[in-house]
Each structure stands twice: as structure tokens, then as C-alpha cells.
């Protein structure tokens, strides 16, 4: 079975191929982490502002016992 990479994955591989030192790779990784962290914060702030996310819903999620059933 072969896995086909999408355009984003191929682009990241090309970009990361320029990292010759571990410090460079670590810095590029941190840039991606910061980008997605900022994006996540913006999206969650929008959910809170719209009322789709609330303290009550968060409590409900925290207290729920959702588990993946084991197959026998």
C-alpha cells in the first residue's frame, strides 16, 4: 500500500529539507506550532463570542464519559 502526499505535505517536506541543523528544524517547527496555536485561539474565541461554546458546555464535556467501545 502506498500513501500519496497532498500538496501541503509535499511543500512542507521541501521546506524542511533546507534545515541542515537541528536548531533550524526546531525553529521551523516552533513557527508552525505558533501559527496553528494562533489560528486555534482565533477560532475558539469566535465560538465563545457566538455562544456556540460556553462554560456550561465545557462542564458538560468535562463530565461526560464518552468512550470508544471495545470490540469483542
C-alpha atoms as a PDB file:
ATOM      1  CA  UNK A   1       0.000   0.000   0.000  1.00  0.00           C
ATOM      2  CA  UNK A   2       1.391   3.395  -0.954  1.00  0.00           C
ATOM      3  CA  UNK A   3       0.478   6.700   0.591  1.00  0.00           C
ATOM      4  CA  UNK A   4       0.108   9.712  -1.651  1.00  0.00           C
ATOM      5  CA  UNK A   5       1.124  13.022  -0.124  1.00  0.00           C
ATOM      6  CA  UNK A   6      -1.019  16.078  -0.750  1.00  0.00           C
ATOM      7  CA  UNK A   7       0.352  19.420  -1.965  1.00  0.00           C
ATOM      8  CA  UNK A   8       0.693  20.836   1.568  1.00  0.00           C
ATOM      9  CA  UNK A   9       2.650  17.822   2.757  1.00  0.00           C
ATOM     10  CA  UNK A  10       4.968  17.956  -0.257  1.00  0.00           C
ATOM     11  CA  UNK A  11       5.538  21.672   0.283  1.00  0.00           C
ATOM     12  CA  UNK A  12       6.437  21.101   3.946  1.00  0.00           C
ATOM     13  CA  UNK A  13       8.866  18.338   3.017  1.00  0.00           C
ATOM     14  CA  UNK A  14      10.603  20.657   0.553  1.00  0.00           C
ATOM     15  CA  UNK A  15      10.727  23.449   3.125  1.00  0.00           C
ATOM     16  CA  UNK A  16      12.039  21.207   5.896  1.00  0.00           C
ATOM     17  CA  UNK A  17      14.730  19.794   3.599  1.00  0.00           C
ATOM     18  CA  UNK A  18      16.544  23.131   3.952  1.00  0.00           C
ATOM     19  CA  UNK A  19      17.053  22.557   7.684  1.00  0.00           C
ATOM     20  CA  UNK A  20      20.661  21.446   7.972  1.00  0.00           C
ATOM     21  CA  UNK A  21      20.910  21.772  11.746  1.00  0.00           C
ATOM     22  CA  UNK A  22      18.600  20.551  14.480  1.00  0.00           C
ATOM     23  CA  UNK A  23      18.236  24.134  15.694  1.00  0.00           C
ATOM     24  CA  UNK A  24      16.849  25.142  12.288  1.00  0.00           C
ATOM     25  CA  UNK A  25      14.358  22.285  12.340  1.00  0.00           C
ATOM     26  CA  UNK A  26      13.327  23.189  15.875  1.00  0.00           C
ATOM     27  CA  UNK A  27      12.781  26.821  14.849  1.00  0.00           C
ATOM     28  CA  UNK A  28      10.681  25.854  11.817  1.00  0.00           C
ATOM     29  CA  UNK A  29       8.645  23.513  13.998  1.00  0.00           C
ATOM     30  CA  UNK A  30       8.030  26.307  16.505  1.00  0.00           C
ATOM     31  CA  UNK A  31       6.862  28.627  13.721  1.00  0.00           C
ATOM     32  CA  UNK A  32       4.267  26.032  12.670  1.00  0.00           C
ATOM     33  CA  UNK A  33       3.190  25.472  16.276  1.00  0.00           C
ATOM     34  CA  UNK A  34       2.782  29.231  16.800  1.00  0.00           C
ATOM     35  CA  UNK A  35       0.784  29.578  13.576  1.00  0.00           C
ATOM     36  CA  UNK A  36      -1.681  26.821  14.448  1.00  0.00           C
ATOM     37  CA  UNK A  37      -1.927  27.978  18.054  1.00  0.00           C
ATOM     38  CA  UNK A  38      -2.893  31.484  16.904  1.00  0.00           C
ATOM     39  CA  UNK A  39      -5.396  30.050  14.410  1.00  0.00           C
ATOM     40  CA  UNK A  40      -6.953  27.802  17.074  1.00  0.00           C
ATOM     41  CA  UNK A  41      -7.262  30.697  19.527  1.00  0.00           C
ATOM     42  CA  UNK A  42      -8.966  32.866  16.903  1.00  0.00           C
ATOM     43  CA  UNK A  43     -11.435  30.083  16.043  1.00  0.00           C
ATOM     44  CA  UNK A  44     -12.242  29.249  19.669  1.00  0.00           C
ATOM     45  CA  UNK A  45     -12.662  32.949  20.511  1.00  0.00           C
ATOM     46  CA  UNK A  46     -15.197  33.152  17.675  1.00  0.00           C
ATOM     47  CA  UNK A  47     -17.076  30.125  19.080  1.00  0.00           C
ATOM     48  CA  UNK A  48     -17.205  31.736  22.527  1.00  0.00           C
ATOM     49  CA  UNK A  49     -18.370  35.057  21.057  1.00  0.00           C
ATOM     50  CA  UNK A  50     -21.128  33.348  19.069  1.00  0.00           C
ATOM     51  CA  UNK A  51     -22.355  31.407  22.088  1.00  0.00           C
ATOM     52  CA  UNK A  52     -21.659  28.035  20.471  1.00  0.00           C
ATOM     53  CA  UNK A  53     -19.116  27.404  23.220  1.00  0.00           C
ATOM     54  CA  UNK A  54     -19.847  28.241  26.847  1.00  0.00           C
ATOM     55  CA  UNK A  55     -18.849  27.410  30.410  1.00  0.00           C
ATOM     56  CA  UNK A  56     -21.875  25.134  30.663  1.00  0.00           C
ATOM     57  CA  UNK A  57     -20.925  23.202  27.529  1.00  0.00           C
ATOM     58  CA  UNK A  58     -17.328  22.881  28.720  1.00  0.00           C
ATOM     59  CA  UNK A  59     -18.540  21.457  32.056  1.00  0.00           C
ATOM     60  CA  UNK A  60     -20.794  19.019  30.201  1.00  0.00           C
ATOM     61  CA  UNK A  61     -17.868  17.858  28.060  1.00  0.00           C
ATOM     62  CA  UNK A  62     -15.575  17.530  31.074  1.00  0.00           C
ATOM     63  CA  UNK A  63     -18.135  15.462  32.986  1.00  0.00           C
ATOM     64  CA  UNK A  64     -19.183  13.218  30.104  1.00  0.00           C
ATOM     65  CA  UNK A  65     -17.970   9.640  29.941  1.00  0.00           C
ATOM     66  CA  UNK A  66     -17.596   9.177  26.237  1.00  0.00           C
ATOM     67  CA  UNK A  67     -15.511   6.145  25.451  1.00  0.00           C
ATOM     68  CA  UNK A  68     -14.847   4.150  22.365  1.00  0.00           C
ATOM     69  CA  UNK A  69     -16.470   0.762  22.878  1.00  0.00           C
ATOM     70  CA  UNK A  70     -14.175  -2.215  22.697  1.00  0.00           C
ATOM     71  CA  UNK A  71     -14.946  -4.742  20.033  1.00  0.00           C
ATOM     72  CA  UNK A  72     -15.172  -8.308  21.224  1.00  0.00           C
END
